[in-house]
PDB file of all heavy atoms in Angstrom:
ATOM      1  N   PRO A   1       0.797  -1.236   0.000  1.00  0.00           N
ATOM      2  CA  PRO A   1       0.000   0.000   0.000  1.00  0.00           C
ATOM      3  C   PRO A   1       0.824   1.279   0.000  1.00  0.00           C
ATOM      4  O   PRO A   1       0.418   2.282  -0.588  1.00  0.00           O
ATOM      5  CB  PRO A   1      -0.827  -0.128   1.297  1.00  0.00           C
ATOM      6  CG  PRO A   1      -0.892  -1.577   1.559  1.00  0.00           C
ATOM      7  CD  PRO A   1       0.447  -2.118   1.129  1.00  0.00           C
ATOM      8  N   LEU A   2       1.991   1.263   0.665  1.00  0.00           N
ATOM      9  CA  LEU A   2       2.807   2.478   0.737  1.00  0.00           C
ATOM     10  C   LEU A   2       3.609   2.712  -0.533  1.00  0.00           C
ATOM     11  O   LEU A   2       3.901   3.859  -0.880  1.00  0.00           O
ATOM     12  CB  LEU A   2       3.744   2.401   1.945  1.00  0.00           C
ATOM     13  CG  LEU A   2       3.064   2.441   3.315  1.00  0.00           C
ATOM     14  CD1 LEU A   2       4.082   2.323   4.425  1.00  0.00           C
ATOM     15  CD2 LEU A   2       2.236   3.712   3.477  1.00  0.00           C
ATOM     16  N   VAL A   3       3.983   1.651  -1.234  1.00  0.00           N
ATOM     17  CA  VAL A   3       4.788   1.791  -2.455  1.00  0.00           C
ATOM     18  C   VAL A   3       3.906   1.912  -3.686  1.00  0.00           C
ATOM     19  O   VAL A   3       4.340   2.444  -4.709  1.00  0.00           O
ATOM     20  CB  VAL A   3       5.747   0.584  -2.580  1.00  0.00           C
ATOM     21  CG1 VAL A   3       6.599   0.684  -3.828  1.00  0.00           C
ATOM     22  CG2 VAL A   3       6.642   0.507  -1.351  1.00  0.00           C
ATOM     23  N   TRP A   4       2.659   1.451  -3.606  1.00  0.00           N
ATOM     24  CA  TRP A   4       1.795   1.387  -4.775  1.00  0.00           C
ATOM     25  C   TRP A   4       1.598   2.735  -5.478  1.00  0.00           C
ATOM     26  O   TRP A   4       1.687   2.815  -6.713  1.00  0.00           O
ATOM     27  CB  TRP A   4       0.456   0.779  -4.363  1.00  0.00           C
ATOM     28  CG  TRP A   4      -0.498   0.554  -5.490  1.00  0.00           C
ATOM     29  CD1 TRP A   4      -1.691   1.173  -5.710  1.00  0.00           C
ATOM     30  CD2 TRP A   4      -0.339  -0.373  -6.571  1.00  0.00           C
ATOM     31  NE1 TRP A   4      -2.288   0.695  -6.840  1.00  0.00           N
ATOM     32  CE2 TRP A   4      -1.484  -0.258  -7.392  1.00  0.00           C
ATOM     33  CE3 TRP A   4       0.657  -1.274  -6.912  1.00  0.00           C
ATOM     34  CZ2 TRP A   4      -1.647  -1.020  -8.547  1.00  0.00           C
ATOM     35  CZ3 TRP A   4       0.501  -2.047  -8.060  1.00  0.00           C
ATOM     36  CH2 TRP A   4      -0.640  -1.914  -8.867  1.00  0.00           C
ATOM     37  N   PRO A   5       1.319   3.855  -4.787  1.00  0.00           N
ATOM     38  CA  PRO A   5       1.159   5.133  -5.506  1.00  0.00           C
ATOM     39  C   PRO A   5       2.400   5.547  -6.285  1.00  0.00           C
ATOM     40  O   PRO A   5       2.304   6.029  -7.414  1.00  0.00           O
ATOM     41  CB  PRO A   5       0.839   6.128  -4.376  1.00  0.00           C
ATOM     42  CG  PRO A   5       0.281   5.299  -3.290  1.00  0.00           C
ATOM     43  CD  PRO A   5       1.033   4.009  -3.349  1.00  0.00           C
ATOM     44  N   LEU A   6       3.570   5.368  -5.695  1.00  0.00           N
ATOM     45  CA  LEU A   6       4.808   5.700  -6.386  1.00  0.00           C
ATOM     46  C   LEU A   6       5.031   4.785  -7.583  1.00  0.00           C
ATOM     47  O   LEU A   6       5.512   5.213  -8.636  1.00  0.00           O
ATOM     48  CB  LEU A   6       5.987   5.607  -5.420  1.00  0.00           C
ATOM     49  CG  LEU A   6       7.316   6.229  -5.873  1.00  0.00           C
ATOM     50  CD1 LEU A   6       7.146   7.718  -6.116  1.00  0.00           C
ATOM     51  CD2 LEU A   6       8.398   5.972  -4.856  1.00  0.00           C
ATOM     52  N   LEU A   7       4.649   3.527  -7.432  1.00  0.00           N
ATOM     53  CA  LEU A   7       4.785   2.572  -8.532  1.00  0.00           C
ATOM     54  C   LEU A   7       3.852   2.930  -9.683  1.00  0.00           C
ATOM     55  O   LEU A   7       4.207   2.761 -10.861  1.00  0.00           O
ATOM     56  CB  LEU A   7       4.493   1.167  -8.018  1.00  0.00           C
ATOM     57  CG  LEU A   7       5.024  -0.004  -8.841  1.00  0.00           C
ATOM     58  CD1 LEU A   7       6.541   0.036  -8.899  1.00  0.00           C
ATOM     59  CD2 LEU A   7       4.562  -1.320  -8.246  1.00  0.00           C
ATOM     60  N   LEU A   8       2.682   3.438  -9.386  1.00  0.00           N
ATOM     61  CA  LEU A   8       1.746   3.837 -10.433  1.00  0.00           C
ATOM     62  C   LEU A   8       2.275   5.026 -11.237  1.00  0.00           C
ATOM     63  O   LEU A   8       2.022   5.122 -12.438  1.00  0.00           O
ATOM     64  CB  LEU A   8       0.393   4.186  -9.804  1.00  0.00           C
ATOM     65  CG  LEU A   8      -0.419   3.008  -9.258  1.00  0.00           C
ATOM     66  CD1 LEU A   8      -1.708   3.510  -8.636  1.00  0.00           C
ATOM     67  CD2 LEU A   8      -0.719   2.004 -10.361  1.00  0.00           C
ATOM     68  N   ILE A   9       3.004   5.924 -10.588  1.00  0.00           N
ATOM     69  CA  ILE A   9       3.610   7.041 -11.318  1.00  0.00           C
ATOM     70  C   ILE A   9       4.664   6.529 -12.295  1.00  0.00           C
ATOM     71  O   ILE A   9       4.759   6.984 -13.436  1.00  0.00           O
ATOM     72  CB  ILE A   9       4.213   8.049 -10.320  1.00  0.00           C
ATOM     73  CG1 ILE A   9       3.109   8.672  -9.468  1.00  0.00           C
ATOM     74  CG2 ILE A   9       4.992   9.135 -11.051  1.00  0.00           C
ATOM     75  CD1 ILE A   9       3.609   9.612  -8.403  1.00  0.00           C
ATOM     76  N   ALA A  10       5.470   5.561 -11.849  1.00  0.00           N
ATOM     77  CA  ALA A  10       6.464   4.966 -12.745  1.00  0.00           C
ATOM     78  C   ALA A  10       5.791   4.270 -13.921  1.00  0.00           C
ATOM     79  O   ALA A  10       6.267   4.338 -15.066  1.00  0.00           O
ATOM     80  CB  ALA A  10       7.330   3.974 -11.970  1.00  0.00           C
ATOM     81  N   VAL A  11       4.660   3.600 -13.675  1.00  0.00           N
ATOM     82  CA  VAL A  11       3.908   2.945 -14.749  1.00  0.00           C
ATOM     83  C   VAL A  11       3.413   3.977 -15.754  1.00  0.00           C
ATOM     84  O   VAL A  11       3.426   3.738 -16.970  1.00  0.00           O
ATOM     85  CB  VAL A  11       2.741   2.139 -14.154  1.00  0.00           C
ATOM     86  CG1 VAL A  11       1.792   1.667 -15.242  1.00  0.00           C
ATOM     87  CG2 VAL A  11       3.271   0.942 -13.381  1.00  0.00           C
ATOM     88  N   LEU A  12       2.984   5.131 -15.275  1.00  0.00           N
ATOM     89  CA  LEU A  12       2.515   6.192 -16.174  1.00  0.00           C
ATOM     90  C   LEU A  12       3.626   6.648 -17.108  1.00  0.00           C
ATOM     91  O   LEU A  12       3.424   6.757 -18.331  1.00  0.00           O
ATOM     92  CB  LEU A  12       2.003   7.372 -15.343  1.00  0.00           C
ATOM     93  CG  LEU A  12       1.608   8.632 -16.137  1.00  0.00           C
ATOM     94  CD1 LEU A  12       0.445   8.330 -17.065  1.00  0.00           C
ATOM     95  CD2 LEU A  12       1.258   9.778 -15.186  1.00  0.00           C
ATOM     96  N   PHE A  13       4.804   6.916 -16.566  1.00  0.00           N
ATOM     97  CA  PHE A  13       5.927   7.353 -17.390  1.00  0.00           C
ATOM     98  C   PHE A  13       6.306   6.296 -18.429  1.00  0.00           C
ATOM     99  O   PHE A  13       6.560   6.594 -19.592  1.00  0.00           O
ATOM    100  CB  PHE A  13       7.135   7.697 -16.518  1.00  0.00           C
ATOM    101  CG  PHE A  13       6.978   8.987 -15.760  1.00  0.00           C
ATOM    102  CD1 PHE A  13       7.239   9.043 -14.396  1.00  0.00           C
ATOM    103  CD2 PHE A  13       6.575  10.140 -16.391  1.00  0.00           C
ATOM    104  CE1 PHE A  13       7.096  10.230 -13.690  1.00  0.00           C
ATOM    105  CE2 PHE A  13       6.426  11.326 -15.698  1.00  0.00           C
ATOM    106  CZ  PHE A  13       6.684  11.367 -14.344  1.00  0.00           C
ATOM    107  N   ARG A  14       6.349   5.037 -17.990  1.00  0.00           N
ATOM    108  CA  ARG A  14       6.736   3.968 -18.903  1.00  0.00           C
ATOM    109  C   ARG A  14       5.684   3.744 -19.981  1.00  0.00           C
ATOM    110  O   ARG A  14       6.013   3.415 -21.115  1.00  0.00           O
ATOM    111  CB  ARG A  14       6.973   2.674 -18.130  1.00  0.00           C
ATOM    112  CG  ARG A  14       8.297   2.591 -17.457  1.00  0.00           C
ATOM    113  CD  ARG A  14       9.457   2.806 -18.414  1.00  0.00           C
ATOM    114  NE  ARG A  14       9.363   1.934 -19.571  1.00  0.00           N
ATOM    115  CZ  ARG A  14       9.634   2.327 -20.808  1.00  0.00           C
ATOM    116  NH1 ARG A  14      10.006   3.556 -21.069  1.00  0.00           N
ATOM    117  NH2 ARG A  14       9.552   1.476 -21.799  1.00  0.00           N
ATOM    118  N   ALA A  15       4.413   3.888 -19.637  1.00  0.00           N
ATOM    119  CA  ALA A  15       3.358   3.704 -20.632  1.00  0.00           C
ATOM    120  C   ALA A  15       3.432   4.784 -21.703  1.00  0.00           C
ATOM    121  O   ALA A  15       3.253   4.493 -22.897  1.00  0.00           O
ATOM    122  CB  ALA A  15       1.990   3.715 -19.949  1.00  0.00           C
ATOM    123  N   ILE A  16       3.715   6.009 -21.302  1.00  0.00           N
ATOM    124  CA  ILE A  16       3.842   7.090 -22.289  1.00  0.00           C
ATOM    125  C   ILE A  16       5.026   6.850 -23.208  1.00  0.00           C
ATOM    126  O   ILE A  16       4.943   7.020 -24.437  1.00  0.00           O
ATOM    127  CB  ILE A  16       3.954   8.448 -21.566  1.00  0.00           C
ATOM    128  CG1 ILE A  16       2.656   8.777 -20.838  1.00  0.00           C
ATOM    129  CG2 ILE A  16       4.300   9.554 -22.549  1.00  0.00           C
ATOM    130  CD1 ILE A  16       2.728  10.036 -19.992  1.00  0.00           C
ATOM    131  N   GLU A  17       6.156   6.442 -22.637  1.00  0.00           N
ATOM    132  CA  GLU A  17       7.337   6.168 -23.451  1.00  0.00           C
ATOM    133  C   GLU A  17       7.104   4.982 -24.391  1.00  0.00           C
ATOM    134  O   GLU A  17       7.520   4.997 -25.545  1.00  0.00           O
ATOM    135  CB  GLU A  17       8.534   5.889 -22.535  1.00  0.00           C
ATOM    136  CG  GLU A  17       9.054   7.105 -21.814  1.00  0.00           C
ATOM    137  CD  GLU A  17       9.659   8.129 -22.764  1.00  0.00           C
ATOM    138  OE1 GLU A  17      10.254   7.722 -23.780  1.00  0.00           O
ATOM    139  OE2 GLU A  17       9.523   9.325 -22.497  1.00  0.00           O
ATOM    140  N   ALA A  18       6.453   3.928 -23.897  1.00  0.00           N
ATOM    141  CA  ALA A  18       6.196   2.753 -24.731  1.00  0.00           C
ATOM    142  C   ALA A  18       5.202   3.072 -25.841  1.00  0.00           C
ATOM    143  O   ALA A  18       5.289   2.515 -26.942  1.00  0.00           O
ATOM    144  CB  ALA A  18       5.674   1.600 -23.875  1.00  0.00           C
ATOM    145  N   PHE A  19       4.259   3.976 -25.573  1.00  0.00           N
ATOM    146  CA  PHE A  19       3.257   4.330 -26.580  1.00  0.00           C
ATOM    147  C   PHE A  19       3.896   4.990 -27.798  1.00  0.00           C
ATOM    148  O   PHE A  19       3.426   4.801 -28.928  1.00  0.00           O
ATOM    149  CB  PHE A  19       2.212   5.258 -25.958  1.00  0.00           C
ATOM    150  CG  PHE A  19       1.134   5.691 -26.907  1.00  0.00           C
ATOM    151  CD1 PHE A  19       0.130   4.809 -27.268  1.00  0.00           C
ATOM    152  CD2 PHE A  19       1.125   6.970 -27.431  1.00  0.00           C
ATOM    153  CE1 PHE A  19      -0.873   5.203 -28.147  1.00  0.00           C
ATOM    154  CE2 PHE A  19       0.139   7.375 -28.299  1.00  0.00           C
ATOM    155  CZ  PHE A  19      -0.866   6.495 -28.661  1.00  0.00           C
ATOM    156  N   ARG A  20       4.948   5.751 -27.595  1.00  0.00           N
ATOM    157  CA  ARG A  20       5.603   6.418 -28.716  1.00  0.00           C
ATOM    158  C   ARG A  20       6.922   5.751 -29.116  1.00  0.00           C
ATOM    159  O   ARG A  20       7.840   6.403 -29.609  1.00  0.00           O
ATOM    160  CB  ARG A  20       5.835   7.891 -28.394  1.00  0.00           C
ATOM    161  CG  ARG A  20       6.651   8.158 -27.160  1.00  0.00           C
ATOM    162  CD  ARG A  20       6.629   9.629 -26.781  1.00  0.00           C
ATOM    163  NE  ARG A  20       7.538   9.949 -25.707  1.00  0.00           N
ATOM    164  CZ  ARG A  20       8.794  10.334 -25.883  1.00  0.00           C
ATOM    165  NH1 ARG A  20       9.292  10.418 -27.103  1.00  0.00           N
ATOM    166  NH2 ARG A  20       9.561  10.633 -24.864  1.00  0.00           N
ATOM    167  N   LEU A  21       6.971   4.434 -28.947  1.00  0.00           N
ATOM    168  CA  LEU A  21       8.177   3.675 -29.304  1.00  0.00           C
ATOM    169  C   LEU A  21       8.471   3.787 -30.796  1.00  0.00           C
ATOM    170  O   LEU A  21       7.588   3.619 -31.631  1.00  0.00           O
ATOM    171  CB  LEU A  21       7.984   2.206 -28.939  1.00  0.00           C
ATOM    172  CG  LEU A  21       9.117   1.273 -29.369  1.00  0.00           C
ATOM    173  CD1 LEU A  21      10.314   1.434 -28.449  1.00  0.00           C
ATOM    174  CD2 LEU A  21       8.644  -0.167 -29.383  1.00  0.00           C
ATOM    175  N   PHE A  22       9.734   4.042 -31.128  1.00  0.00           N
ATOM    176  CA  PHE A  22      10.138   4.098 -32.527  1.00  0.00           C
ATOM    177  C   PHE A  22      11.498   3.456 -32.764  1.00  0.00           C
ATOM    178  O   PHE A  22      11.680   2.659 -33.678  1.00  0.00           O
ATOM    179  CB  PHE A  22      10.174   5.556 -33.008  1.00  0.00           C
ATOM    180  CG  PHE A  22      10.790   5.714 -34.371  1.00  0.00           C
ATOM    181  CD1 PHE A  22      10.064   5.415 -35.512  1.00  0.00           C
ATOM    182  CD2 PHE A  22      12.106   6.143 -34.511  1.00  0.00           C
ATOM    183  CE1 PHE A  22      10.625   5.546 -36.770  1.00  0.00           C
ATOM    184  CE2 PHE A  22      12.674   6.267 -35.765  1.00  0.00           C
ATOM    185  CZ  PHE A  22      11.939   5.974 -36.899  1.00  0.00           C
ATOM    186  N   ASP A  23      12.480   3.798 -31.935  1.00  0.00           N
ATOM    187  CA  ASP A  23      13.875   3.439 -32.216  1.00  0.00           C
ATOM    188  C   ASP A  23      14.096   1.933 -32.238  1.00  0.00           C
ATOM    189  O   ASP A  23      14.758   1.409 -33.140  1.00  0.00           O
ATOM    190  CB  ASP A  23      14.824   4.117 -31.218  1.00  0.00           C
ATOM    191  CG  ASP A  23      14.208   4.227 -29.840  1.00  0.00           C
ATOM    192  OD1 ASP A  23      13.398   3.336 -29.482  1.00  0.00           O
ATOM    193  OD2 ASP A  23      14.504   5.189 -29.126  1.00  0.00           O
ATOM    194  N   LEU A  24      13.554   1.211 -31.257  1.00  0.00           N
ATOM    195  CA  LEU A  24      13.764  -0.241 -31.231  1.00  0.00           C
ATOM    196  C   LEU A  24      13.103  -0.918 -32.421  1.00  0.00           C
ATOM    197  O   LEU A  24      13.649  -1.873 -32.987  1.00  0.00           O
ATOM    198  CB  LEU A  24      13.227  -0.828 -29.925  1.00  0.00           C
ATOM    199  CG  LEU A  24      14.055  -0.585 -28.662  1.00  0.00           C
ATOM    200  CD1 LEU A  24      13.408  -1.266 -27.465  1.00  0.00           C
ATOM    201  CD2 LEU A  24      15.490  -1.082 -28.842  1.00  0.00           C
TER     202      LEU A  24
END
């Protein structure tokens, strides 16, 4: 419960980066 909010922020950043994937 204490780490989950911070983990969700990391998921948000990664989802945005993965959505605009091009180089790989």
